[in-house]
PDB file of N, CA and C in Angstrom:
ATOM      1  N   UNK A   1      27.856  63.066 143.610  1.00  0.00           N
ATOM      2  CA  UNK A   1      29.052  62.325 143.665  1.00  0.00           C
ATOM      3  C   UNK A   1      29.527  63.306 145.100  1.00  0.00           C
ATOM      4  N   UNK A   2      30.301  62.718 146.240  1.00  0.00           N
ATOM      5  CA  UNK A   2      30.939  63.515 147.257  1.00  0.00           C
ATOM      6  C   UNK A   2      32.054  62.063 147.129  1.00  0.00           C
ATOM      7  N   UNK A   3      33.383  62.926 147.405  1.00  0.00           N
ATOM      8  CA  UNK A   3      34.050  61.792 147.068  1.00  0.00           C
ATOM      9  C   UNK A   3      35.701  62.477 148.417  1.00  0.00           C
ATOM     10  N   UNK A   4      35.610  61.182 149.316  1.00  0.00           N
ATOM     11  CA  UNK A   4      36.415  61.989 150.072  1.00  0.00           C
ATOM     12  C   UNK A   4      37.552  60.969 150.046  1.00  0.00           C
ATOM     13  N   UNK A   5      39.161  61.499 150.729  1.00  0.00           N
ATOM     14  CA  UNK A   5      39.851  60.766 150.923  1.00  0.00           C
ATOM     15  C   UNK A   5      40.906  60.003 152.177  1.00  0.00           C
ATOM     16  N   UNK A   6      41.309  59.016 152.477  1.00  0.00           N
ATOM     17  CA  UNK A   6      41.825  58.503 153.360  1.00  0.00           C
ATOM     18  C   UNK A   6      42.705  57.745 153.227  1.00  0.00           C
ATOM     19  N   UNK A   7      43.488  57.005 154.281  1.00  0.00           N
ATOM     20  CA  UNK A   7      44.554  56.238 153.911  1.00  0.00           C
ATOM     21  C   UNK A   7      44.394  54.790 154.086  1.00  0.00           C
ATOM     22  N   UNK A   8      44.617  53.715 153.848  1.00  0.00           N
ATOM     23  CA  UNK A   8      44.219  52.059 154.519  1.00  0.00           C
ATOM     24  C   UNK A   8      45.800  51.901 154.033  1.00  0.00           C
ATOM     25  N   UNK A   9      46.914  51.508 155.017  1.00  0.00           N
ATOM     26  CA  UNK A   9      48.361  51.315 154.474  1.00  0.00           C
ATOM     27  C   UNK A   9      48.920  52.144 154.356  1.00  0.00           C
ATOM     28  N   UNK A  10      49.485  51.252 152.853  1.00  0.00           N
ATOM     29  CA  UNK A  10      50.532  52.395 151.760  1.00  0.00           C
ATOM     30  C   UNK A  10      49.552  52.857 150.931  1.00  0.00           C
ATOM     31  N   UNK A  11      48.202  52.727 150.862  1.00  0.00           N
ATOM     32  CA  UNK A  11      47.270  52.590 149.756  1.00  0.00           C
ATOM     33  C   UNK A  11      46.354  53.866 150.037  1.00  0.00           C
ATOM     34  N   UNK A  12      45.660  54.819 148.912  1.00  0.00           N
ATOM     35  CA  UNK A  12      44.687  55.660 149.178  1.00  0.00           C
ATOM     36  C   UNK A  12      43.669  55.515 148.795  1.00  0.00           C
ATOM     37  N   UNK A  13      42.402  55.691 150.096  1.00  0.00           N
ATOM     38  CA  UNK A  13      41.146  55.427 149.512  1.00  0.00           C
ATOM     39  C   UNK A  13      39.992  56.517 149.561  1.00  0.00           C
ATOM     40  N   UNK A  14      39.572  55.972 148.392  1.00  0.00           N
ATOM     41  CA  UNK A  14      38.630  57.555 147.851  1.00  0.00           C
ATOM     42  C   UNK A  14      36.847  56.434 147.963  1.00  0.00           C
ATOM     43  N   UNK A  15      36.500  57.437 149.182  1.00  0.00           N
ATOM     44  CA  UNK A  15      34.984  57.273 149.450  1.00  0.00           C
ATOM     45  C   UNK A  15      34.473  58.069 148.331  1.00  0.00           C
ATOM     46  N   UNK A  16      33.304  57.170 147.775  1.00  0.00           N
ATOM     47  CA  UNK A  16      32.590  57.217 146.926  1.00  0.00           C
ATOM     48  C   UNK A  16      31.293  57.580 148.019  1.00  0.00           C
ATOM     49  N   UNK A  17      30.509  58.311 147.949  1.00  0.00           N
ATOM     50  CA  UNK A  17      29.170  58.381 147.574  1.00  0.00           C
ATOM     51  C   UNK A  17      27.854  58.557 146.869  1.00  0.00           C
ATOM     52  N   UNK A  18      27.524  58.634 146.707  1.00  0.00           N
ATOM     53  CA  UNK A  18      26.569  59.110 146.028  1.00  0.00           C
ATOM     54  C   UNK A  18      25.889  57.797 144.477  1.00  0.00           C
ATOM     55  N   UNK A  19      25.552  58.382 143.457  1.00  0.00           N
ATOM     56  CA  UNK A  19      25.724  57.757 142.412  1.00  0.00           C
ATOM     57  C   UNK A  19      26.188  58.479 141.211  1.00  0.00           C
ATOM     58  N   UNK A  20      26.819  56.869 141.295  1.00  0.00           N
ATOM     59  CA  UNK A  20      27.616  56.620 139.841  1.00  0.00           C
ATOM     60  C   UNK A  20      26.942  56.413 138.763  1.00  0.00           C
ATOM     61  N   UNK A  21      27.363  57.768 137.702  1.00  0.00           N
ATOM     62  CA  UNK A  21      26.239  57.852 136.207  1.00  0.00           C
ATOM     63  C   UNK A  21      26.466  58.778 135.192  1.00  0.00           C
ATOM     64  N   UNK A  22      25.726  58.909 134.435  1.00  0.00           N
ATOM     65  CA  UNK A  22      26.722  60.157 133.558  1.00  0.00           C
ATOM     66  C   UNK A  22      26.845  61.616 133.967  1.00  0.00           C
ATOM     67  N   UNK A  23      25.628  62.565 135.220  1.00  0.00           N
ATOM     68  CA  UNK A  23      25.719  63.266 136.009  1.00  0.00           C
ATOM     69  C   UNK A  23      27.378  63.555 136.807  1.00  0.00           C
ATOM     70  N   UNK A  24      28.102  62.232 137.402  1.00  0.00           N
ATOM     71  CA  UNK A  24      28.903  62.640 138.679  1.00  0.00           C
ATOM     72  C   UNK A  24      29.891  61.734 137.737  1.00  0.00           C
ATOM     73  N   UNK A  25      30.161  60.771 135.814  1.00  0.00           N
ATOM     74  CA  UNK A  25      31.026  60.208 135.532  1.00  0.00           C
ATOM     75  C   UNK A  25      32.515  61.262 135.800  1.00  0.00           C
ATOM     76  N   UNK A  26      32.415  62.187 134.682  1.00  0.00           N
ATOM     77  CA  UNK A  26      33.529  62.775 135.087  1.00  0.00           C
ATOM     78  C   UNK A  26      34.604  63.328 136.253  1.00  0.00           C
ATOM     79  N   UNK A  27      33.608  63.318 137.014  1.00  0.00           N
ATOM     80  CA  UNK A  27      34.284  64.321 138.140  1.00  0.00           C
ATOM     81  C   UNK A  27      34.531  63.369 138.709  1.00  0.00           C
ATOM     82  N   UNK A  28      33.592  61.647 138.987  1.00  0.00           N
ATOM     83  CA  UNK A  28      34.453  60.692 139.777  1.00  0.00           C
ATOM     84  C   UNK A  28      35.541  60.414 138.627  1.00  0.00           C
ATOM     85  N   UNK A  29      35.901  60.084 138.117  1.00  0.00           N
ATOM     86  CA  UNK A  29      37.091  60.223 136.877  1.00  0.00           C
ATOM     87  C   UNK A  29      38.148  60.982 136.849  1.00  0.00           C
ATOM     88  N   UNK A  30      37.989  61.968 137.407  1.00  0.00           N
ATOM     89  CA  UNK A  30      39.308  63.262 137.465  1.00  0.00           C
ATOM     90  C   UNK A  30      40.162  62.618 138.629  1.00  0.00           C
ATOM     91  N   UNK A  31      38.665  62.812 139.830  1.00  0.00           N
ATOM     92  CA  UNK A  31      39.375  62.330 141.518  1.00  0.00           C
ATOM     93  C   UNK A  31      39.973  61.240 141.029  1.00  0.00           C
ATOM     94  N   UNK A  32      39.775  59.508 140.585  1.00  0.00           N
ATOM     95  CA  UNK A  32      40.023  58.291 140.962  1.00  0.00           C
ATOM     96  C   UNK A  32      41.433  59.142 140.578  1.00  0.00           C
ATOM     97  N   UNK A  33      41.740  59.406 138.688  1.00  0.00           N
ATOM     98  CA  UNK A  33      42.966  59.458 138.234  1.00  0.00           C
ATOM     99  C   UNK A  33      43.760  60.190 138.955  1.00  0.00           C
ATOM    100  N   UNK A  34      43.880  61.401 139.633  1.00  0.00           N
ATOM    101  CA  UNK A  34      44.149  62.551 140.351  1.00  0.00           C
ATOM    102  C   UNK A  34      45.145  61.573 141.665  1.00  0.00           C
ATOM    103  N   UNK A  35      44.178  60.876 141.916  1.00  0.00           N
ATOM    104  CA  UNK A  35      44.607  59.878 143.409  1.00  0.00           C
ATOM    105  C   UNK A  35      45.616  58.669 142.549  1.00  0.00           C
ATOM    106  N   UNK A  36      45.448  58.261 141.232  1.00  0.00           N
ATOM    107  CA  UNK A  36      46.510  57.080 141.036  1.00  0.00           C
ATOM    108  C   UNK A  36      47.762  57.707 140.804  1.00  0.00           C
ATOM    109  N   UNK A  37      47.533  58.799 140.399  1.00  0.00           N
ATOM    110  CA  UNK A  37      48.705  59.262 140.001  1.00  0.00           C
ATOM    111  C   UNK A  37      49.755  59.292 141.306  1.00  0.00           C
ATOM    112  N   UNK A  38      48.867  59.276 142.517  1.00  0.00           N
ATOM    113  CA  UNK A  38      50.169  59.217 143.210  1.00  0.00           C
ATOM    114  C   UNK A  38      50.636  57.459 144.453  1.00  0.00           C
ATOM    115  N   UNK A  39      49.215  56.691 143.163  1.00  0.00           N
ATOM    116  CA  UNK A  39      49.837  55.436 143.848  1.00  0.00           C
ATOM    117  C   UNK A  39      48.928  54.622 143.323  1.00  0.00           C
ATOM    118  N   UNK A  40      48.657  53.258 144.628  1.00  0.00           N
ATOM    119  CA  UNK A  40      47.622  52.570 144.275  1.00  0.00           C
ATOM    120  C   UNK A  40      45.979  53.294 145.311  1.00  0.00           C
ATOM    121  N   UNK A  41      45.179  52.576 144.982  1.00  0.00           N
ATOM    122  CA  UNK A  41      43.991  53.443 144.588  1.00  0.00           C
ATOM    123  C   UNK A  41      43.072  52.061 145.314  1.00  0.00           C
ATOM    124  N   UNK A  42      42.013  51.682 146.747  1.00  0.00           N
ATOM    125  CA  UNK A  42      41.256  51.368 146.548  1.00  0.00           C
ATOM    126  C   UNK A  42      39.397  52.015 146.702  1.00  0.00           C
ATOM    127  N   UNK A  43      39.389  52.313 146.183  1.00  0.00           N
ATOM    128  CA  UNK A  43      37.225  52.896 145.835  1.00  0.00           C
ATOM    129  C   UNK A  43      36.320  51.931 146.418  1.00  0.00           C
ATOM    130  N   UNK A  44      35.957  52.590 147.958  1.00  0.00           N
ATOM    131  CA  UNK A  44      35.192  52.146 148.527  1.00  0.00           C
ATOM    132  C   UNK A  44      33.779  52.455 148.344  1.00  0.00           C
ATOM    133  N   UNK A  45      33.395  51.880 147.417  1.00  0.00           N
ATOM    134  CA  UNK A  45      31.425  51.790 147.183  1.00  0.00           C
ATOM    135  C   UNK A  45      30.592  51.289 147.835  1.00  0.00           C
ATOM    136  N   UNK A  46      31.042  51.622 149.153  1.00  0.00           N
ATOM    137  CA  UNK A  46      29.841  50.880 150.073  1.00  0.00           C
ATOM    138  C   UNK A  46      28.230  51.781 150.353  1.00  0.00           C
ATOM    139  N   UNK A  47      28.675  53.324 149.909  1.00  0.00           N
ATOM    140  CA  UNK A  47      27.371  54.489 150.018  1.00  0.00           C
ATOM    141  C   UNK A  47      27.176  54.337 148.524  1.00  0.00           C
ATOM    142  N   UNK A  48      27.926  53.617 147.482  1.00  0.00           N
ATOM    143  CA  UNK A  48      27.035  53.765 145.924  1.00  0.00           C
ATOM    144  C   UNK A  48      25.848  52.617 146.110  1.00  0.00           C
ATOM    145  N   UNK A  49      25.028  52.840 145.876  1.00  0.00           N
ATOM    146  CA  UNK A  49      23.994  52.386 145.474  1.00  0.00           C
ATOM    147  C   UNK A  49      23.555  52.338 144.196  1.00  0.00           C
ATOM    148  N   UNK A  50      23.948  53.176 142.626  1.00  0.00           N
ATOM    149  CA  UNK A  50      23.539  53.050 141.654  1.00  0.00           C
ATOM    150  C   UNK A  50      25.089  53.261 140.908  1.00  0.00           C
ATOM    151  N   UNK A  51      25.084  52.090 140.106  1.00  0.00           N
ATOM    152  CA  UNK A  51      26.577  51.987 139.007  1.00  0.00           C
ATOM    153  C   UNK A  51      25.588  51.904 137.660  1.00  0.00           C
ATOM    154  N   UNK A  52      25.688  53.070 136.773  1.00  0.00           N
ATOM    155  CA  UNK A  52      25.858  52.856 135.248  1.00  0.00           C
ATOM    156  C   UNK A  52      26.949  52.927 133.899  1.00  0.00           C
ATOM    157  N   UNK A  53      26.600  52.848 133.263  1.00  0.00           N
ATOM    158  CA  UNK A  53      27.590  52.199 132.166  1.00  0.00           C
ATOM    159  C   UNK A  53      28.356  53.307 132.391  1.00  0.00           C
ATOM    160  N   UNK A  54      28.431  54.500 132.134  1.00  0.00           N
ATOM    161  CA  UNK A  54      29.000  56.227 132.471  1.00  0.00           C
ATOM    162  C   UNK A  54      29.832  55.636 133.445  1.00  0.00           C
ATOM    163  N   UNK A  55      28.925  55.443 134.788  1.00  0.00           N
ATOM    164  CA  UNK A  55      30.242  54.837 135.723  1.00  0.00           C
ATOM    165  C   UNK A  55      31.093  53.534 135.517  1.00  0.00           C
ATOM    166  N   UNK A  56      30.167  52.854 135.486  1.00  0.00           N
ATOM    167  CA  UNK A  56      31.075  50.944 134.585  1.00  0.00           C
ATOM    168  C   UNK A  56      32.518  51.850 134.069  1.00  0.00           C
ATOM    169  N   UNK A  57      32.363  52.626 133.195  1.00  0.00           N
ATOM    170  CA  UNK A  57      33.665  53.100 132.051  1.00  0.00           C
ATOM    171  C   UNK A  57      34.770  54.217 133.193  1.00  0.00           C
ATOM    172  N   UNK A  58      34.417  54.617 134.010  1.00  0.00           N
ATOM    173  CA  UNK A  58      35.594  55.376 134.911  1.00  0.00           C
ATOM    174  C   UNK A  58      36.059  54.165 135.587  1.00  0.00           C
ATOM    175  N   UNK A  59      35.164  53.397 136.227  1.00  0.00           N
ATOM    176  CA  UNK A  59      35.931  52.452 137.000  1.00  0.00           C
ATOM    177  C   UNK A  59      37.109  51.995 135.748  1.00  0.00           C
ATOM    178  N   UNK A  60      37.013  51.298 134.807  1.00  0.00           N
ATOM    179  CA  UNK A  60      37.521  50.487 133.740  1.00  0.00           C
ATOM    180  C   UNK A  60      38.654  51.546 133.358  1.00  0.00           C
ATOM    181  N   UNK A  61      38.005  52.482 133.223  1.00  0.00           N
ATOM    182  CA  UNK A  61      40.027  53.407 132.586  1.00  0.00           C
ATOM    183  C   UNK A  61      40.790  53.715 133.994  1.00  0.00           C
ATOM    184  N   UNK A  62      40.207  53.535 135.522  1.00  0.00           N
ATOM    185  CA  UNK A  62      41.036  53.864 136.687  1.00  0.00           C
ATOM    186  C   UNK A  62      42.140  52.486 136.488  1.00  0.00           C
ATOM    187  N   UNK A  63      40.893  51.324 136.215  1.00  0.00           N
ATOM    188  CA  UNK A  63      42.190  50.207 136.389  1.00  0.00           C
ATOM    189  C   UNK A  63      43.209  49.812 134.894  1.00  0.00           C
ATOM    190  N   UNK A  64      42.697  50.489 134.044  1.00  0.00           N
ATOM    191  CA  UNK A  64      43.649  50.151 133.369  1.00  0.00           C
ATOM    192  C   UNK A  64      44.763  51.417 133.337  1.00  0.00           C
ATOM    193  N   UNK A  65      44.454  52.676 134.233  1.00  0.00           N
ATOM    194  CA  UNK A  65      45.860  53.423 134.277  1.00  0.00           C
ATOM    195  C   UNK A  65      46.683  52.919 135.229  1.00  0.00           C
ATOM    196  N   UNK A  66      45.890  52.264 136.324  1.00  0.00           N
ATOM    197  CA  UNK A  66      46.507  51.388 137.583  1.00  0.00           C
ATOM    198  C   UNK A  66      48.112  50.264 137.217  1.00  0.00           C
ATOM    199  N   UNK A  67      47.136  49.764 136.070  1.00  0.00           N
ATOM    200  CA  UNK A  67      48.130  48.783 135.454  1.00  0.00           C
ATOM    201  C   UNK A  67      49.337  49.001 135.002  1.00  0.00           C
ATOM    202  N   UNK A  68      48.397  50.573 133.671  1.00  0.00           N
ATOM    203  CA  UNK A  68      50.108  50.869 132.817  1.00  0.00           C
ATOM    204  C   UNK A  68      51.095  51.625 133.936  1.00  0.00           C
ATOM    205  N   UNK A  69      50.331  52.150 135.219  1.00  0.00           N
ATOM    206  CA  UNK A  69      51.836  52.811 136.179  1.00  0.00           C
ATOM    207  C   UNK A  69      52.074  51.827 137.456  1.00  0.00           C
ATOM    208  N   UNK A  70      51.896  50.699 136.784  1.00  0.00           N
ATOM    209  CA  UNK A  70      52.156  49.410 138.018  1.00  0.00           C
ATOM    210  C   UNK A  70      51.548  49.716 139.039  1.00  0.00           C
ATOM    211  N   UNK A  71      51.148  50.336 139.330  1.00  0.00           N
ATOM    212  CA  UNK A  71      49.850  50.411 140.752  1.00  0.00           C
ATOM    213  C   UNK A  71      48.892  50.043 141.115  1.00  0.00           C
ATOM    214  N   UNK A  72      48.242  49.779 142.059  1.00  0.00           N
ATOM    215  CA  UNK A  72      46.894  49.272 142.415  1.00  0.00           C
ATOM    216  C   UNK A  72      45.511  49.992 142.270  1.00  0.00           C
ATOM    217  N   UNK A  73      44.754  49.127 141.705  1.00  0.00           N
ATOM    218  CA  UNK A  73      43.247  49.575 142.017  1.00  0.00           C
ATOM    219  C   UNK A  73      42.088  48.317 142.276  1.00  0.00           C
ATOM    220  N   UNK A  74      41.500  48.706 143.584  1.00  0.00           N
ATOM    221  CA  UNK A  74      40.524  47.310 143.579  1.00  0.00           C
ATOM    222  C   UNK A  74      39.169  49.047 143.887  1.00  0.00           C
ATOM    223  N   UNK A  75      38.151  48.082 143.737  1.00  0.00           N
ATOM    224  CA  UNK A  75      36.912  48.081 144.563  1.00  0.00           C
ATOM    225  C   UNK A  75      36.805  47.529 146.112  1.00  0.00           C
ATOM    226  N   UNK A  76      36.124  48.104 147.270  1.00  0.00           N
ATOM    227  CA  UNK A  76      35.086  47.425 148.440  1.00  0.00           C
ATOM    228  C   UNK A  76      33.901  47.852 148.718  1.00  0.00           C
ATOM    229  N   UNK A  77      33.254  47.072 149.478  1.00  0.00           N
ATOM    230  CA  UNK A  77      31.664  47.740 149.939  1.00  0.00           C
ATOM    231  C   UNK A  77      31.247  47.581 148.504  1.00  0.00           C
ATOM    232  N   UNK A  78      30.794  46.405 147.979  1.00  0.00           N
ATOM    233  CA  UNK A  78      29.937  46.006 146.872  1.00  0.00           C
ATOM    234  C   UNK A  78      28.441  46.178 147.086  1.00  0.00           C
ATOM    235  N   UNK A  79      27.553  47.451 147.036  1.00  0.00           N
ATOM    236  CA  UNK A  79      26.302  46.459 147.478  1.00  0.00           C
ATOM    237  C   UNK A  79      25.871  46.125 146.859  1.00  0.00           C
ATOM    238  N   UNK A  80      24.409  45.113 146.796  1.00  0.00           N
ATOM    239  CA  UNK A  80      24.213  43.838 146.153  1.00  0.00           C
ATOM    240  C   UNK A  80      23.687  44.933 144.344  1.00  0.00           C
ATOM    241  N   UNK A  81      23.118  46.046 144.559  1.00  0.00           N
ATOM    242  CA  UNK A  81      22.980  46.469 143.149  1.00  0.00           C
ATOM    243  C   UNK A  81      23.770  46.528 142.185  1.00  0.00           C
ATOM    244  N   UNK A  82      24.953  47.247 143.115  1.00  0.00           N
ATOM    245  CA  UNK A  82      26.153  47.546 142.419  1.00  0.00           C
ATOM    246  C   UNK A  82      27.107  45.975 141.823  1.00  0.00           C
ATOM    247  N   UNK A  83      27.004  45.253 142.637  1.00  0.00           N
ATOM    248  CA  UNK A  83      27.820  44.278 142.791  1.00  0.00           C
ATOM    249  C   UNK A  83      27.170  42.983 141.449  1.00  0.00           C
ATOM    250  N   UNK A  84      25.758  43.083 141.495  1.00  0.00           N
ATOM    251  CA  UNK A  84      24.792  42.562 140.262  1.00  0.00           C
ATOM    252  C   UNK A  84      25.392  43.393 139.374  1.00  0.00           C
ATOM    253  N   UNK A  85      25.601  44.079 139.016  1.00  0.00           N
ATOM    254  CA  UNK A  85      26.270  45.203 138.087  1.00  0.00           C
ATOM    255  C   UNK A  85      27.474  44.319 137.116  1.00  0.00           C
ATOM    256  N   UNK A  86      28.506  44.841 138.591  1.00  0.00           N
ATOM    257  CA  UNK A  86      29.472  43.965 138.139  1.00  0.00           C
ATOM    258  C   UNK A  86      29.249  42.627 137.809  1.00  0.00           C
ATOM    259  N   UNK A  87      28.461  41.457 138.296  1.00  0.00           N
ATOM    260  CA  UNK A  87      28.664  40.656 137.666  1.00  0.00           C
ATOM    261  C   UNK A  87      28.159  40.169 136.495  1.00  0.00           C
ATOM    262  N   UNK A  88      27.234  40.956 135.956  1.00  0.00           N
ATOM    263  CA  UNK A  88      26.161  40.852 135.331  1.00  0.00           C
ATOM    264  C   UNK A  88      26.730  41.256 133.304  1.00  0.00           C
ATOM    265  N   UNK A  89      27.509  42.632 134.312  1.00  0.00           N
ATOM    266  CA  UNK A  89      28.993  43.315 132.856  1.00  0.00           C
ATOM    267  C   UNK A  89      30.205  42.462 132.685  1.00  0.00           C
ATOM    268  N   UNK A  90      30.250  41.367 133.909  1.00  0.00           N
ATOM    269  CA  UNK A  90      31.815  40.748 133.743  1.00  0.00           C
ATOM    270  C   UNK A  90      32.744  41.861 134.190  1.00  0.00           C
ATOM    271  N   UNK A  91      32.771  43.599 134.905  1.00  0.00           N
ATOM    272  CA  UNK A  91      33.227  43.593 135.845  1.00  0.00           C
ATOM    273  C   UNK A  91      33.908  43.229 137.361  1.00  0.00           C
ATOM    274  N   UNK A  92      33.281  42.098 137.227  1.00  0.00           N
ATOM    275  CA  UNK A  92      33.630  41.624 138.548  1.00  0.00           C
ATOM    276  C   UNK A  92      35.249  40.537 138.136  1.00  0.00           C
ATOM    277  N   UNK A  93      35.449  40.401 136.914  1.00  0.00           N
ATOM    278  CA  UNK A  93      36.460  39.350 136.581  1.00  0.00           C
ATOM    279  C   UNK A  93      37.718  40.272 136.277  1.00  0.00           C
ATOM    280  N   UNK A  94      37.680  41.516 135.506  1.00  0.00           N
ATOM    281  CA  UNK A  94      38.323  42.372 135.706  1.00  0.00           C
ATOM    282  C   UNK A  94      38.806  43.603 136.655  1.00  0.00           C
ATOM    283  N   UNK A  95      38.486  44.331 137.804  1.00  0.00           N
ATOM    284  CA  UNK A  95      38.335  44.431 138.812  1.00  0.00           C
ATOM    285  C   UNK A  95      38.694  44.551 140.031  1.00  0.00           C
ATOM    286  N   UNK A  96      39.655  43.897 140.617  1.00  0.00           N
ATOM    287  CA  UNK A  96      39.617  42.738 141.835  1.00  0.00           C
ATOM    288  C   UNK A  96      38.930  43.969 143.214  1.00  0.00           C
ATOM    289  N   UNK A  97      37.743  43.380 143.558  1.00  0.00           N
ATOM    290  CA  UNK A  97      36.874  43.388 144.201  1.00  0.00           C
ATOM    291  C   UNK A  97      36.806  42.750 145.864  1.00  0.00           C
ATOM    292  N   UNK A  98      36.802  43.705 146.896  1.00  0.00           N
ATOM    293  CA  UNK A  98      37.240  43.120 148.056  1.00  0.00           C
ATOM    294  C   UNK A  98      35.725  43.542 149.373  1.00  0.00           C
ATOM    295  N   UNK A  99      35.755  43.146 149.945  1.00  0.00           N
ATOM    296  CA  UNK A  99      34.605  42.844 151.508  1.00  0.00           C
ATOM    297  C   UNK A  99      35.123  43.904 152.085  1.00  0.00           C
ATOM    298  N   UNK A 100      36.141  44.291 152.895  1.00  0.00           N
ATOM    299  CA  UNK A 100      37.047  45.334 153.142  1.00  0.00           C
ATOM    300  C   UNK A 100      38.104  45.835 153.307  1.00  0.00           C
ATOM    301  N   UNK A 101      38.590  46.823 153.307  1.00  0.00           N
ATOM    302  CA  UNK A 101      39.615  48.106 153.091  1.00  0.00           C
ATOM    303  C   UNK A 101      40.851  47.069 153.402  1.00  0.00           C
ATOM    304  N   UNK A 102      41.113  46.296 154.883  1.00  0.00           N
ATOM    305  CA  UNK A 102      41.569  45.551 155.370  1.00  0.00           C
ATOM    306  C   UNK A 102      42.168  44.890 153.848  1.00  0.00           C
ATOM    307  N   UNK A 103      41.272  44.065 153.400  1.00  0.00           N
ATOM    308  CA  UNK A 103      41.625  43.378 152.436  1.00  0.00           C
ATOM    309  C   UNK A 103      42.418  43.416 151.176  1.00  0.00           C
ATOM    310  N   UNK A 104      41.626  44.878 151.196  1.00  0.00           N
ATOM    311  CA  UNK A 104      42.224  45.068 149.775  1.00  0.00           C
ATOM    312  C   UNK A 104      43.219  45.650 149.953  1.00  0.00           C
ATOM    313  N   UNK A 105      43.810  46.000 151.011  1.00  0.00           N
ATOM    314  CA  UNK A 105      45.374  47.212 151.224  1.00  0.00           C
ATOM    315  C   UNK A 105      46.551  45.897 151.257  1.00  0.00           C
ATOM    316  N   UNK A 106      45.662  45.048 151.736  1.00  0.00           N
ATOM    317  CA  UNK A 106      46.785  43.489 152.089  1.00  0.00           C
ATOM    318  C   UNK A 106      46.955  42.931 150.797  1.00  0.00           C
ATOM    319  N   UNK A 107      46.100  42.808 150.014  1.00  0.00           N
ATOM    320  CA  UNK A 107      46.446  42.187 148.404  1.00  0.00           C
ATOM    321  C   UNK A 107      46.919  42.849 147.540  1.00  0.00           C
TER     322      UNK A 107
END
């Protein structure tokens, strides 16, 4: 998993590239939680083609930490296989998902 950091408005964008699975979950969790310590985060998943249950756990932990800190956490760019996992697991009701970074930043 490659994670690069950029900005969209006042929020940090974590651009994830690769698979979000057991092998990459710990690294991704560390990176996302560190970014959340600074404020709101948008996770750009446009280059993520697979999310396992371990990956979903990382995203759930991030949204919970954001809420506890009074910050925001959202995802953008869900590819069809990842969107399907979100919908089947009910995560589309837990984690705000947007089509673009601009929409996420404005929310």
